[in-house]
PDB file of all heavy atoms in Angstrom:
ATOM      1  N   ASP A   1     122.472 175.897 -34.231  1.00  0.00           N
ATOM      2  CA  ASP A   1     123.883 175.783 -34.816  1.00  0.00           C
ATOM      3  C   ASP A   1     123.998 176.940 -35.796  1.00  0.00           C
ATOM      4  O   ASP A   1     123.236 177.250 -36.588  1.00  0.00           O
ATOM      5  CB  ASP A   1     124.039 174.518 -35.664  1.00  0.00           C
ATOM      6  CG  ASP A   1     125.467 174.240 -36.055  1.00  0.00           C
ATOM      7  OD1 ASP A   1     126.335 174.510 -35.149  1.00  0.00           O
ATOM      8  OD2 ASP A   1     125.744 173.971 -37.117  1.00  0.00           O
ATOM      9  N   GLY A   2     125.156 177.691 -35.576  1.00  0.00           N
ATOM     10  CA  GLY A   2     125.459 178.841 -36.441  1.00  0.00           C
ATOM     11  C   GLY A   2     125.668 180.165 -35.651  1.00  0.00           C
ATOM     12  O   GLY A   2     125.885 181.107 -36.296  1.00  0.00           O
ATOM     13  N   GLN A   3     125.725 180.013 -34.307  1.00  0.00           N
ATOM     14  CA  GLN A   3     125.913 181.296 -33.541  1.00  0.00           C
ATOM     15  C   GLN A   3     127.191 181.936 -33.859  1.00  0.00           C
ATOM     16  O   GLN A   3     127.281 183.215 -34.052  1.00  0.00           O
ATOM     17  CB  GLN A   3     125.834 180.986 -32.027  1.00  0.00           C
ATOM     18  CG  GLN A   3     125.923 182.184 -31.199  1.00  0.00           C
ATOM     19  CD  GLN A   3     126.868 182.088 -29.984  1.00  0.00           C
ATOM     20  OE1 GLN A   3     127.309 183.044 -29.401  1.00  0.00           O
ATOM     21  NE2 GLN A   3     127.165 180.827 -29.496  1.00  0.00           N
ATOM     22  N   GLN A   4     128.303 181.177 -33.958  1.00  0.00           N
ATOM     23  CA  GLN A   4     129.657 181.737 -34.231  1.00  0.00           C
ATOM     24  C   GLN A   4     129.630 182.387 -35.486  1.00  0.00           C
ATOM     25  O   GLN A   4     130.158 183.466 -35.623  1.00  0.00           O
ATOM     26  CB  GLN A   4     130.672 180.744 -34.158  1.00  0.00           C
ATOM     27  CG  GLN A   4     130.722 179.831 -32.871  1.00  0.00           C
ATOM     28  CD  GLN A   4     131.031 180.797 -31.561  1.00  0.00           C
ATOM     29  OE1 GLN A   4     131.831 181.633 -31.619  1.00  0.00           O
ATOM     30  NE2 GLN A   4     130.353 180.423 -30.536  1.00  0.00           N
ATOM     31  N   ARG A   5     129.045 181.805 -36.584  1.00  0.00           N
ATOM     32  CA  ARG A   5     128.996 182.506 -37.927  1.00  0.00           C
ATOM     33  C   ARG A   5     128.162 183.708 -37.909  1.00  0.00           C
ATOM     34  O   ARG A   5     128.511 184.718 -38.411  1.00  0.00           O
ATOM     35  CB  ARG A   5     128.468 181.450 -38.945  1.00  0.00           C
ATOM     36  CG  ARG A   5     129.563 180.392 -39.265  1.00  0.00           C
ATOM     37  CD  ARG A   5     128.993 179.133 -40.007  1.00  0.00           C
ATOM     38  NE  ARG A   5     128.121 178.368 -39.062  1.00  0.00           N
ATOM     39  CZ  ARG A   5     127.294 177.581 -39.464  1.00  0.00           C
ATOM     40  NH1 ARG A   5     126.958 177.438 -40.754  1.00  0.00           N
ATOM     41  NH2 ARG A   5     126.704 176.649 -38.534  1.00  0.00           N
ATOM     42  N   LEU A   6     126.998 183.579 -37.293  1.00  0.00           N
ATOM     43  CA  LEU A   6     126.091 184.776 -37.293  1.00  0.00           C
ATOM     44  C   LEU A   6     126.551 185.935 -36.601  1.00  0.00           C
ATOM     45  O   LEU A   6     126.525 187.090 -36.976  1.00  0.00           O
ATOM     46  CB  LEU A   6     124.671 184.422 -36.742  1.00  0.00           C
ATOM     47  CG  LEU A   6     123.915 183.419 -37.694  1.00  0.00           C
ATOM     48  CD1 LEU A   6     122.637 182.957 -36.967  1.00  0.00           C
ATOM     49  CD2 LEU A   6     123.515 184.175 -39.107  1.00  0.00           C
ATOM     50  N   THR A   7     127.191 185.694 -35.317  1.00  0.00           N
ATOM     51  CA  THR A   7     127.737 186.710 -34.543  1.00  0.00           C
ATOM     52  C   THR A   7     129.049 187.389 -35.236  1.00  0.00           C
ATOM     53  O   THR A   7     129.157 188.523 -35.123  1.00  0.00           O
ATOM     54  CB  THR A   7     128.269 186.124 -33.077  1.00  0.00           C
ATOM     55  OG1 THR A   7     127.046 185.497 -32.556  1.00  0.00           O
ATOM     56  CG2 THR A   7     128.703 187.314 -32.181  1.00  0.00           C
ATOM     57  N   SER A   8     129.829 186.513 -36.026  1.00  0.00           N
ATOM     58  CA  SER A   8     130.953 187.016 -36.686  1.00  0.00           C
ATOM     59  C   SER A   8     130.497 187.966 -37.776  1.00  0.00           C
ATOM     60  O   SER A   8     131.098 188.989 -37.940  1.00  0.00           O
ATOM     61  CB  SER A   8     131.633 185.859 -37.262  1.00  0.00           C
ATOM     62  OG  SER A   8     132.314 185.006 -36.341  1.00  0.00           O
ATOM     63  N   LEU A   9     129.528 187.609 -38.484  1.00  0.00           N
ATOM     64  CA  LEU A   9     128.881 188.478 -39.571  1.00  0.00           C
ATOM     65  C   LEU A   9     128.361 189.868 -38.979  1.00  0.00           C
ATOM     66  O   LEU A   9     128.545 190.846 -39.526  1.00  0.00           O
ATOM     67  CB  LEU A   9     127.886 187.703 -40.407  1.00  0.00           C
ATOM     68  CG  LEU A   9     128.375 186.583 -41.273  1.00  0.00           C
ATOM     69  CD1 LEU A   9     127.290 185.753 -41.823  1.00  0.00           C
ATOM     70  CD2 LEU A   9     129.284 187.172 -42.356  1.00  0.00           C
ATOM     71  N   LEU A  10     127.696 189.650 -37.843  1.00  0.00           N
ATOM     72  CA  LEU A  10     127.118 190.896 -37.242  1.00  0.00           C
ATOM     73  C   LEU A  10     128.325 191.823 -36.864  1.00  0.00           C
ATOM     74  O   LEU A  10     128.357 193.033 -36.925  1.00  0.00           O
ATOM     75  CB  LEU A  10     126.250 190.548 -36.020  1.00  0.00           C
ATOM     76  CG  LEU A  10     125.498 191.727 -35.402  1.00  0.00           C
ATOM     77  CD1 LEU A  10     124.531 192.380 -36.413  1.00  0.00           C
ATOM     78  CD2 LEU A  10     124.778 191.248 -34.172  1.00  0.00           C
ATOM     79  N   LEU A  11     129.373 191.195 -36.207  1.00  0.00           N
ATOM     80  CA  LEU A  11     130.552 191.890 -35.768  1.00  0.00           C
ATOM     81  C   LEU A  11     131.221 192.635 -36.912  1.00  0.00           C
ATOM     82  O   LEU A  11     131.540 193.818 -36.850  1.00  0.00           O
ATOM     83  CB  LEU A  11     131.527 191.033 -35.225  1.00  0.00           C
ATOM     84  CG  LEU A  11     132.803 191.589 -34.784  1.00  0.00           C
ATOM     85  CD1 LEU A  11     132.639 192.690 -33.718  1.00  0.00           C
ATOM     86  CD2 LEU A  11     133.797 190.460 -34.140  1.00  0.00           C
ATOM     87  N   VAL A  12     131.328 191.946 -38.132  1.00  0.00           N
ATOM     88  CA  VAL A  12     131.896 192.620 -39.390  1.00  0.00           C
ATOM     89  C   VAL A  12     131.091 193.691 -39.860  1.00  0.00           C
ATOM     90  O   VAL A  12     131.587 194.688 -40.144  1.00  0.00           O
ATOM     91  CB  VAL A  12     132.213 191.547 -40.464  1.00  0.00           C
ATOM     92  CG1 VAL A  12     132.670 192.182 -41.721  1.00  0.00           C
ATOM     93  CG2 VAL A  12     133.234 190.595 -39.989  1.00  0.00           C
ATOM     94  N   HIS A  13     129.765 193.564 -39.881  1.00  0.00           N
ATOM     95  CA  HIS A  13     128.880 194.596 -40.341  1.00  0.00           C
ATOM     96  C   HIS A  13     128.840 195.756 -39.452  1.00  0.00           C
ATOM     97  O   HIS A  13     128.707 196.970 -39.930  1.00  0.00           O
ATOM     98  CB  HIS A  13     127.383 194.042 -40.298  1.00  0.00           C
ATOM     99  CG  HIS A  13     127.069 193.414 -41.618  1.00  0.00           C
ATOM    100  ND1 HIS A  13     126.111 193.714 -42.512  1.00  0.00           N
ATOM    101  CD2 HIS A  13     127.601 192.236 -42.187  1.00  0.00           C
ATOM    102  CE1 HIS A  13     126.095 193.002 -43.495  1.00  0.00           C
ATOM    103  NE2 HIS A  13     126.951 192.057 -43.349  1.00  0.00           N
ATOM    104  N   LYS A  14     129.067 195.683 -38.183  1.00  0.00           N
ATOM    105  CA  LYS A  14     128.970 196.775 -37.298  1.00  0.00           C
ATOM    106  C   LYS A  14     130.429 197.291 -36.758  1.00  0.00           C
ATOM    107  O   LYS A  14     130.604 198.386 -36.309  1.00  0.00           O
ATOM    108  CB  LYS A  14     128.236 196.518 -35.958  1.00  0.00           C
ATOM    109  CG  LYS A  14     126.784 196.090 -36.254  1.00  0.00           C
ATOM    110  CD  LYS A  14     125.961 195.755 -34.957  1.00  0.00           C
ATOM    111  CE  LYS A  14     125.663 196.930 -34.237  1.00  0.00           C
ATOM    112  NZ  LYS A  14     124.688 197.833 -34.781  1.00  0.00           N
ATOM    113  N   GLY A  15     131.417 196.372 -36.792  1.00  0.00           N
ATOM    114  CA  GLY A  15     132.830 196.723 -36.461  1.00  0.00           C
ATOM    115  C   GLY A  15     133.034 196.529 -35.049  1.00  0.00           C
ATOM    116  O   GLY A  15     134.183 196.350 -34.469  1.00  0.00           O
ATOM    117  N   LYS A  16     131.916 196.614 -34.250  1.00  0.00           N
ATOM    118  CA  LYS A  16     132.169 196.492 -32.704  1.00  0.00           C
ATOM    119  C   LYS A  16     130.742 195.969 -32.140  1.00  0.00           C
ATOM    120  O   LYS A  16     129.660 196.324 -32.669  1.00  0.00           O
ATOM    121  CB  LYS A  16     132.414 197.794 -32.158  1.00  0.00           C
ATOM    122  CG  LYS A  16     132.621 197.873 -30.609  1.00  0.00           C
ATOM    123  CD  LYS A  16     132.919 199.285 -30.182  1.00  0.00           C
ATOM    124  CE  LYS A  16     134.120 199.881 -30.731  1.00  0.00           C
ATOM    125  NZ  LYS A  16     134.382 201.323 -30.187  1.00  0.00           N
ATOM    126  N   LEU A  17     130.831 195.109 -31.240  1.00  0.00           N
ATOM    127  CA  LEU A  17     129.693 194.574 -30.462  1.00  0.00           C
ATOM    128  C   LEU A  17     129.957 194.600 -29.038  1.00  0.00           C
ATOM    129  O   LEU A  17     130.971 194.458 -28.479  1.00  0.00           O
ATOM    130  CB  LEU A  17     129.347 193.086 -30.877  1.00  0.00           C
ATOM    131  CG  LEU A  17     128.852 192.836 -32.323  1.00  0.00           C
ATOM    132  CD1 LEU A  17     128.628 191.255 -32.436  1.00  0.00           C
ATOM    133  CD2 LEU A  17     127.487 193.552 -32.464  1.00  0.00           C
ATOM    134  N   VAL A  18     128.921 194.846 -28.218  1.00  0.00           N
ATOM    135  CA  VAL A  18     128.750 194.723 -26.845  1.00  0.00           C
ATOM    136  C   VAL A  18     127.780 193.748 -26.340  1.00  0.00           C
ATOM    137  O   VAL A  18     126.644 193.838 -26.799  1.00  0.00           O
ATOM    138  CB  VAL A  18     128.521 196.134 -26.138  1.00  0.00           C
ATOM    139  CG1 VAL A  18     128.488 195.871 -24.624  1.00  0.00           C
ATOM    140  CG2 VAL A  18     129.479 197.202 -26.558  1.00  0.00           C
ATOM    141  N   ARG A  19     128.404 192.628 -25.737  1.00  0.00           N
ATOM    142  CA  ARG A  19     127.492 191.462 -25.355  1.00  0.00           C
ATOM    143  C   ARG A  19     127.802 191.166 -23.936  1.00  0.00           C
ATOM    144  O   ARG A  19     128.934 190.941 -23.753  1.00  0.00           O
ATOM    145  CB  ARG A  19     127.720 190.411 -26.304  1.00  0.00           C
ATOM    146  CG  ARG A  19     126.742 189.226 -26.021  1.00  0.00           C
ATOM    147  CD  ARG A  19     126.726 188.252 -27.251  1.00  0.00           C
ATOM    148  NE  ARG A  19     126.435 186.855 -26.869  1.00  0.00           N
ATOM    149  CZ  ARG A  19     126.531 185.866 -27.558  1.00  0.00           C
ATOM    150  NH1 ARG A  19     127.008 185.905 -28.757  1.00  0.00           N
ATOM    151  NH2 ARG A  19     126.270 184.595 -27.156  1.00  0.00           N
ATOM    152  N   ASN A  20     126.780 191.111 -23.057  1.00  0.00           N
ATOM    153  CA  ASN A  20     127.005 190.749 -21.653  1.00  0.00           C
ATOM    154  C   ASN A  20     128.042 191.656 -21.004  1.00  0.00           C
ATOM    155  O   ASN A  20     128.951 191.300 -20.185  1.00  0.00           O
ATOM    156  CB  ASN A  20     127.412 189.257 -21.534  1.00  0.00           C
ATOM    157  CG  ASN A  20     126.351 188.366 -21.975  1.00  0.00           C
ATOM    158  OD1 ASN A  20     125.111 188.658 -21.960  1.00  0.00           O
ATOM    159  ND2 ASN A  20     126.699 187.226 -22.503  1.00  0.00           N
ATOM    160  N   GLY A  21     128.038 192.957 -21.457  1.00  0.00           N
ATOM    161  CA  GLY A  21     128.996 193.803 -20.876  1.00  0.00           C
ATOM    162  C   GLY A  21     130.395 193.840 -21.454  1.00  0.00           C
ATOM    163  O   GLY A  21     131.220 194.574 -21.068  1.00  0.00           O
ATOM    164  N   LYS A  22     130.604 192.888 -22.469  1.00  0.00           N
ATOM    165  CA  LYS A  22     131.942 192.697 -22.953  1.00  0.00           C
ATOM    166  C   LYS A  22     131.953 193.388 -24.420  1.00  0.00           C
ATOM    167  O   LYS A  22     131.083 192.977 -25.177  1.00  0.00           O
ATOM    168  CB  LYS A  22     132.347 191.262 -23.066  1.00  0.00           C
ATOM    169  CG  LYS A  22     132.474 190.590 -21.706  1.00  0.00           C
ATOM    170  CD  LYS A  22     132.750 189.067 -21.804  1.00  0.00           C
ATOM    171  CE  LYS A  22     132.790 188.423 -20.491  1.00  0.00           C
ATOM    172  NZ  LYS A  22     133.088 186.980 -20.562  1.00  0.00           N
ATOM    173  N   GLU A  23     133.020 194.097 -24.695  1.00  0.00           N
ATOM    174  CA  GLU A  23     133.126 194.797 -25.940  1.00  0.00           C
ATOM    175  C   GLU A  23     134.073 193.849 -26.914  1.00  0.00           C
ATOM    176  O   GLU A  23     135.066 193.547 -26.463  1.00  0.00           O
ATOM    177  CB  GLU A  23     133.629 196.176 -25.925  1.00  0.00           C
ATOM    178  CG  GLU A  23     133.728 196.890 -27.174  1.00  0.00           C
ATOM    179  CD  GLU A  23     134.170 198.291 -27.090  1.00  0.00           C
ATOM    180  OE1 GLU A  23     133.439 199.118 -26.646  1.00  0.00           O
ATOM    181  OE2 GLU A  23     135.328 198.674 -27.310  1.00  0.00           O
ATOM    182  N   ARG A  24     133.614 193.676 -28.141  1.00  0.00           N
ATOM    183  CA  ARG A  24     134.349 193.014 -29.067  1.00  0.00           C
ATOM    184  C   ARG A  24     134.517 193.910 -30.353  1.00  0.00           C
ATOM    185  O   ARG A  24     133.586 194.423 -30.787  1.00  0.00           O
ATOM    186  CB  ARG A  24     133.712 191.742 -29.368  1.00  0.00           C
ATOM    187  CG  ARG A  24     134.467 190.829 -30.391  1.00  0.00           C
ATOM    188  CD  ARG A  24     135.806 190.342 -29.925  1.00  0.00           C
ATOM    189  NE  ARG A  24     136.416 189.438 -30.985  1.00  0.00           N
ATOM    190  CZ  ARG A  24     136.183 188.102 -31.069  1.00  0.00           C
ATOM    191  NH1 ARG A  24     135.417 187.474 -30.193  1.00  0.00           N
ATOM    192  NH2 ARG A  24     136.765 187.402 -32.032  1.00  0.00           N
ATOM    193  N   GLU A  25     135.766 193.987 -30.907  1.00  0.00           N
ATOM    194  CA  GLU A  25     135.895 194.882 -32.028  1.00  0.00           C
ATOM    195  C   GLU A  25     136.746 194.130 -33.130  1.00  0.00           C
ATOM    196  O   GLU A  25     137.525 193.192 -32.843  1.00  0.00           O
ATOM    197  CB  GLU A  25     136.726 196.102 -31.562  1.00  0.00           C
ATOM    198  CG  GLU A  25     136.951 197.217 -32.674  1.00  0.00           C
ATOM    199  CD  GLU A  25     137.543 198.419 -32.238  1.00  0.00           C
ATOM    200  OE1 GLU A  25     138.219 198.370 -31.138  1.00  0.00           O
ATOM    201  OE2 GLU A  25     137.574 199.378 -32.923  1.00  0.00           O
ATOM    202  N   ILE A  26     136.523 194.420 -34.387  1.00  0.00           N
ATOM    203  CA  ILE A  26     137.293 193.864 -35.371  1.00  0.00           C
ATOM    204  C   ILE A  26     137.583 195.001 -36.373  1.00  0.00           C
ATOM    205  O   ILE A  26     136.721 195.757 -36.798  1.00  0.00           O
ATOM    206  CB  ILE A  26     136.638 192.626 -36.075  1.00  0.00           C
ATOM    207  CG1 ILE A  26     137.599 191.911 -36.953  1.00  0.00           C
ATOM    208  CG2 ILE A  26     135.384 193.106 -36.857  1.00  0.00           C
ATOM    209  CD1 ILE A  26     137.075 190.618 -37.544  1.00  0.00           C
ATOM    210  N   LYS A  27     138.844 194.973 -36.866  1.00  0.00           N
ATOM    211  CA  LYS A  27     139.261 195.881 -37.983  1.00  0.00           C
ATOM    212  C   LYS A  27     139.782 194.931 -39.008  1.00  0.00           C
ATOM    213  O   LYS A  27     141.046 194.537 -39.124  1.00  0.00           O
ATOM    214  CB  LYS A  27     140.261 196.836 -37.559  1.00  0.00           C
ATOM    215  CG  LYS A  27     139.675 197.897 -36.442  1.00  0.00           C
ATOM    216  CD  LYS A  27     140.702 198.936 -36.102  1.00  0.00           C
ATOM    217  CE  LYS A  27     140.063 199.886 -35.068  1.00  0.00           C
ATOM    218  NZ  LYS A  27     141.164 200.868 -34.588  1.00  0.00           N
ATOM    219  N   LEU A  28     138.968 194.495 -39.941  1.00  0.00           N
ATOM    220  CA  LEU A  28     139.271 193.643 -41.054  1.00  0.00           C
ATOM    221  C   LEU A  28     139.418 194.451 -42.386  1.00  0.00           C
ATOM    222  O   LEU A  28     138.493 195.295 -42.537  1.00  0.00           O
ATOM    223  CB  LEU A  28     138.208 192.595 -41.158  1.00  0.00           C
ATOM    224  CG  LEU A  28     138.386 191.557 -42.300  1.00  0.00           C
ATOM    225  CD1 LEU A  28     139.657 190.737 -42.208  1.00  0.00           C
ATOM    226  CD2 LEU A  28     137.130 190.641 -42.378  1.00  0.00           C
ATOM    227  N   TYR A  29     140.561 194.124 -43.108  1.00  0.00           N
ATOM    228  CA  TYR A  29     140.747 194.940 -44.334  1.00  0.00           C
ATOM    229  C   TYR A  29     140.810 194.048 -45.527  1.00  0.00           C
ATOM    230  O   TYR A  29     141.139 192.908 -45.530  1.00  0.00           O
ATOM    231  CB  TYR A  29     142.051 195.697 -44.226  1.00  0.00           C
ATOM    232  CG  TYR A  29     141.927 196.953 -43.227  1.00  0.00           C
ATOM    233  CD1 TYR A  29     141.897 196.785 -41.958  1.00  0.00           C
ATOM    234  CD2 TYR A  29     141.754 198.219 -43.747  1.00  0.00           C
ATOM    235  CE1 TYR A  29     141.826 197.883 -41.013  1.00  0.00           C
ATOM    236  CE2 TYR A  29     141.684 199.294 -43.069  1.00  0.00           C
ATOM    237  CZ  TYR A  29     141.638 199.128 -41.628  1.00  0.00           C
ATOM    238  OH  TYR A  29     141.565 200.239 -40.844  1.00  0.00           O
ATOM    239  N   PHE A  30     140.504 194.712 -46.686  1.00  0.00           N
ATOM    240  CA  PHE A  30     140.427 193.864 -47.948  1.00  0.00           C
ATOM    241  C   PHE A  30     141.267 194.653 -48.958  1.00  0.00           C
ATOM    242  O   PHE A  30     141.095 195.838 -49.128  1.00  0.00           O
ATOM    243  CB  PHE A  30     138.984 193.700 -48.391  1.00  0.00           C
ATOM    244  CG  PHE A  30     138.862 193.093 -49.807  1.00  0.00           C
ATOM    245  CD1 PHE A  30     139.242 191.871 -50.123  1.00  0.00           C
ATOM    246  CD2 PHE A  30     138.089 193.827 -50.808  1.00  0.00           C
ATOM    247  CE1 PHE A  30     139.182 191.335 -51.312  1.00  0.00           C
ATOM    248  CE2 PHE A  30     138.035 193.226 -52.014  1.00  0.00           C
ATOM    249  CZ  PHE A  30     138.533 191.953 -52.259  1.00  0.00           C
ATOM    250  N   ASN A  31     142.128 193.863 -49.660  1.00  0.00           N
ATOM    251  CA  ASN A  31     142.854 194.502 -50.841  1.00  0.00           C
ATOM    252  C   ASN A  31     142.291 193.869 -52.117  1.00  0.00           C
ATOM    253  O   ASN A  31     142.485 192.829 -52.438  1.00  0.00           O
ATOM    254  CB  ASN A  31     144.377 194.070 -50.678  1.00  0.00           C
ATOM    255  CG  ASN A  31     145.251 194.570 -51.881  1.00  0.00           C
ATOM    256  OD1 ASN A  31     144.740 194.875 -52.879  1.00  0.00           O
ATOM    257  ND2 ASN A  31     146.545 194.522 -51.642  1.00  0.00           N
ATOM    258  N   PRO A  32     141.519 194.755 -52.820  1.00  0.00           N
ATOM    259  CA  PRO A  32     140.771 194.319 -54.026  1.00  0.00           C
ATOM    260  C   PRO A  32     141.807 194.010 -55.193  1.00  0.00           C
ATOM    261  O   PRO A  32     141.357 193.200 -55.993  1.00  0.00           O
ATOM    262  CB  PRO A  32     139.889 195.321 -54.293  1.00  0.00           C
ATOM    263  CG  PRO A  32     140.486 196.604 -53.746  1.00  0.00           C
ATOM    264  CD  PRO A  32     141.076 196.173 -52.442  1.00  0.00           C
ATOM    265  N   ILE A  33     142.920 194.617 -55.169  1.00  0.00           N
ATOM    266  CA  ILE A  33     143.853 194.358 -56.293  1.00  0.00           C
ATOM    267  C   ILE A  33     144.365 192.842 -56.156  1.00  0.00           C
ATOM    268  O   ILE A  33     144.356 192.175 -57.166  1.00  0.00           O
ATOM    269  CB  ILE A  33     145.112 195.227 -56.210  1.00  0.00           C
ATOM    270  CG1 ILE A  33     144.607 196.700 -56.388  1.00  0.00           C
ATOM    271  CG2 ILE A  33     146.088 194.910 -57.280  1.00  0.00           C
ATOM    272  CD1 ILE A  33     145.674 197.699 -56.109  1.00  0.00           C
ATOM    273  N   ASP A  34     144.764 192.406 -54.947  1.00  0.00           N
ATOM    274  CA  ASP A  34     145.300 191.044 -54.827  1.00  0.00           C
ATOM    275  C   ASP A  34     144.119 190.161 -54.294  1.00  0.00           C
ATOM    276  O   ASP A  34     144.364 188.900 -54.046  1.00  0.00           O
ATOM    277  CB  ASP A  34     146.419 190.953 -53.813  1.00  0.00           C
ATOM    278  CG  ASP A  34     147.607 191.819 -54.331  1.00  0.00           C
ATOM    279  OD1 ASP A  34     147.901 191.822 -55.493  1.00  0.00           O
ATOM    280  OD2 ASP A  34     148.308 192.540 -53.526  1.00  0.00           O
ATOM    281  N   GLU A  35     142.972 190.751 -54.009  1.00  0.00           N
ATOM    282  CA  GLU A  35     141.812 189.878 -53.353  1.00  0.00           C
ATOM    283  C   GLU A  35     142.283 189.133 -52.123  1.00  0.00           C
ATOM    284  O   GLU A  35     142.053 188.004 -52.004  1.00  0.00           O
ATOM    285  CB  GLU A  35     141.204 189.003 -54.426  1.00  0.00           C
ATOM    286  CG  GLU A  35     140.665 189.747 -55.577  1.00  0.00           C
ATOM    287  CD  GLU A  35     139.947 188.798 -56.587  1.00  0.00           C
ATOM    288  OE1 GLU A  35     140.660 188.272 -57.483  1.00  0.00           O
ATOM    289  OE2 GLU A  35     138.697 188.772 -56.504  1.00  0.00           O
ATOM    290  N   GLU A  36     142.907 190.034 -51.214  1.00  0.00           N
ATOM    291  CA  GLU A  36     143.582 189.409 -49.936  1.00  0.00           C
ATOM    292  C   GLU A  36     142.810 190.155 -48.781  1.00  0.00           C
ATOM    293  O   GLU A  36     142.445 191.338 -48.755  1.00  0.00           O
ATOM    294  CB  GLU A  36     144.995 189.652 -49.959  1.00  0.00           C
ATOM    295  CG  GLU A  36     145.653 189.175 -48.759  1.00  0.00           C
ATOM    296  CD  GLU A  36     147.185 189.465 -48.761  1.00  0.00           C
ATOM    297  OE1 GLU A  36     147.645 190.097 -49.721  1.00  0.00           O
ATOM    298  OE2 GLU A  36     147.855 189.249 -47.848  1.00  0.00           O
ATOM    299  N   PHE A  37     142.593 189.429 -47.748  1.00  0.00           N
ATOM    300  CA  PHE A  37     142.134 189.899 -46.524  1.00  0.00           C
ATOM    301  C   PHE A  37     143.105 189.826 -45.381  1.00  0.00           C
ATOM    302  O   PHE A  37     143.918 188.821 -45.322  1.00  0.00           O
ATOM    303  CB  PHE A  37     140.909 188.979 -46.034  1.00  0.00           C
ATOM    304  CG  PHE A  37     139.675 189.099 -46.916  1.00  0.00           C
ATOM    305  CD1 PHE A  37     139.615 188.325 -47.959  1.00  0.00           C
ATOM    306  CD2 PHE A  37     138.658 190.124 -46.639  1.00  0.00           C
ATOM    307  CE1 PHE A  37     138.433 188.394 -48.862  1.00  0.00           C
ATOM    308  CE2 PHE A  37     137.606 190.130 -47.453  1.00  0.00           C
ATOM    309  CZ  PHE A  37     137.438 189.304 -48.615  1.00  0.00           C
ATOM    310  N   GLN A  38     143.200 190.864 -44.548  1.00  0.00           N
ATOM    311  CA  GLN A  38     144.076 190.924 -43.464  1.00  0.00           C
ATOM    312  C   GLN A  38     143.346 191.733 -42.258  1.00  0.00           C
ATOM    313  O   GLN A  38     142.617 192.590 -42.482  1.00  0.00           O
ATOM    314  CB  GLN A  38     145.455 191.514 -43.761  1.00  0.00           C
ATOM    315  CG  GLN A  38     146.341 190.665 -44.557  1.00  0.00           C
ATOM    316  CD  GLN A  38     147.868 191.184 -44.584  1.00  0.00           C
ATOM    317  OE1 GLN A  38     148.183 191.771 -43.545  1.00  0.00           O
ATOM    318  NE2 GLN A  38     148.528 190.965 -45.625  1.00  0.00           N
ATOM    319  N   LEU A  39     143.836 191.323 -41.147  1.00  0.00           N
ATOM    320  CA  LEU A  39     143.369 192.077 -39.835  1.00  0.00           C
ATOM    321  C   LEU A  39     144.358 193.308 -39.855  1.00  0.00           C
ATOM    322  O   LEU A  39     145.469 193.186 -40.389  1.00  0.00           O
ATOM    323  CB  LEU A  39     143.451 191.303 -38.564  1.00  0.00           C
ATOM    324  CG  LEU A  39     142.570 190.081 -38.557  1.00  0.00           C
ATOM    325  CD1 LEU A  39     142.890 189.148 -37.366  1.00  0.00           C
ATOM    326  CD2 LEU A  39     141.093 190.521 -38.468  1.00  0.00           C
ATOM    327  N   GLU A  40     143.872 194.409 -39.297  1.00  0.00           N
ATOM    328  CA  GLU A  40     144.651 195.511 -39.287  1.00  0.00           C
ATOM    329  C   GLU A  40     146.041 195.295 -38.731  1.00  0.00           C
ATOM    330  O   GLU A  40     146.233 194.555 -37.726  1.00  0.00           O
ATOM    331  CB  GLU A  40     143.993 196.658 -38.415  1.00  0.00           C
ATOM    332  CG  GLU A  40     144.808 197.992 -38.404  1.00  0.00           C
ATOM    333  CD  GLU A  40     144.223 199.040 -37.446  1.00  0.00           C
ATOM    334  OE1 GLU A  40     143.855 198.718 -36.329  1.00  0.00           O
ATOM    335  OE2 GLU A  40     143.956 200.172 -37.932  1.00  0.00           O
ATOM    336  N   ASN A  41     147.098 195.799 -39.299  1.00  0.00           N
ATOM    337  CA  ASN A  41     148.486 195.597 -38.842  1.00  0.00           C
ATOM    338  C   ASN A  41     149.321 196.712 -39.422  1.00  0.00           C
ATOM    339  O   ASN A  41     148.939 197.425 -40.436  1.00  0.00           O
ATOM    340  CB  ASN A  41     149.083 194.244 -39.155  1.00  0.00           C
ATOM    341  CG  ASN A  41     149.188 194.050 -40.731  1.00  0.00           C
ATOM    342  OD1 ASN A  41     150.060 194.647 -41.360  1.00  0.00           O
ATOM    343  ND2 ASN A  41     148.230 193.264 -41.248  1.00  0.00           N
TER     344      ASN A  41
END
């Protein structure tokens, strides 16, 4: 138990993962002034 959390953290650390031939990418941003998180937009 914990695969989704561990894979998510690895994805955030690397920005991109390739697993079983499938590429997954995340562009997550943080605003330290408001302490807010958003996906790229």
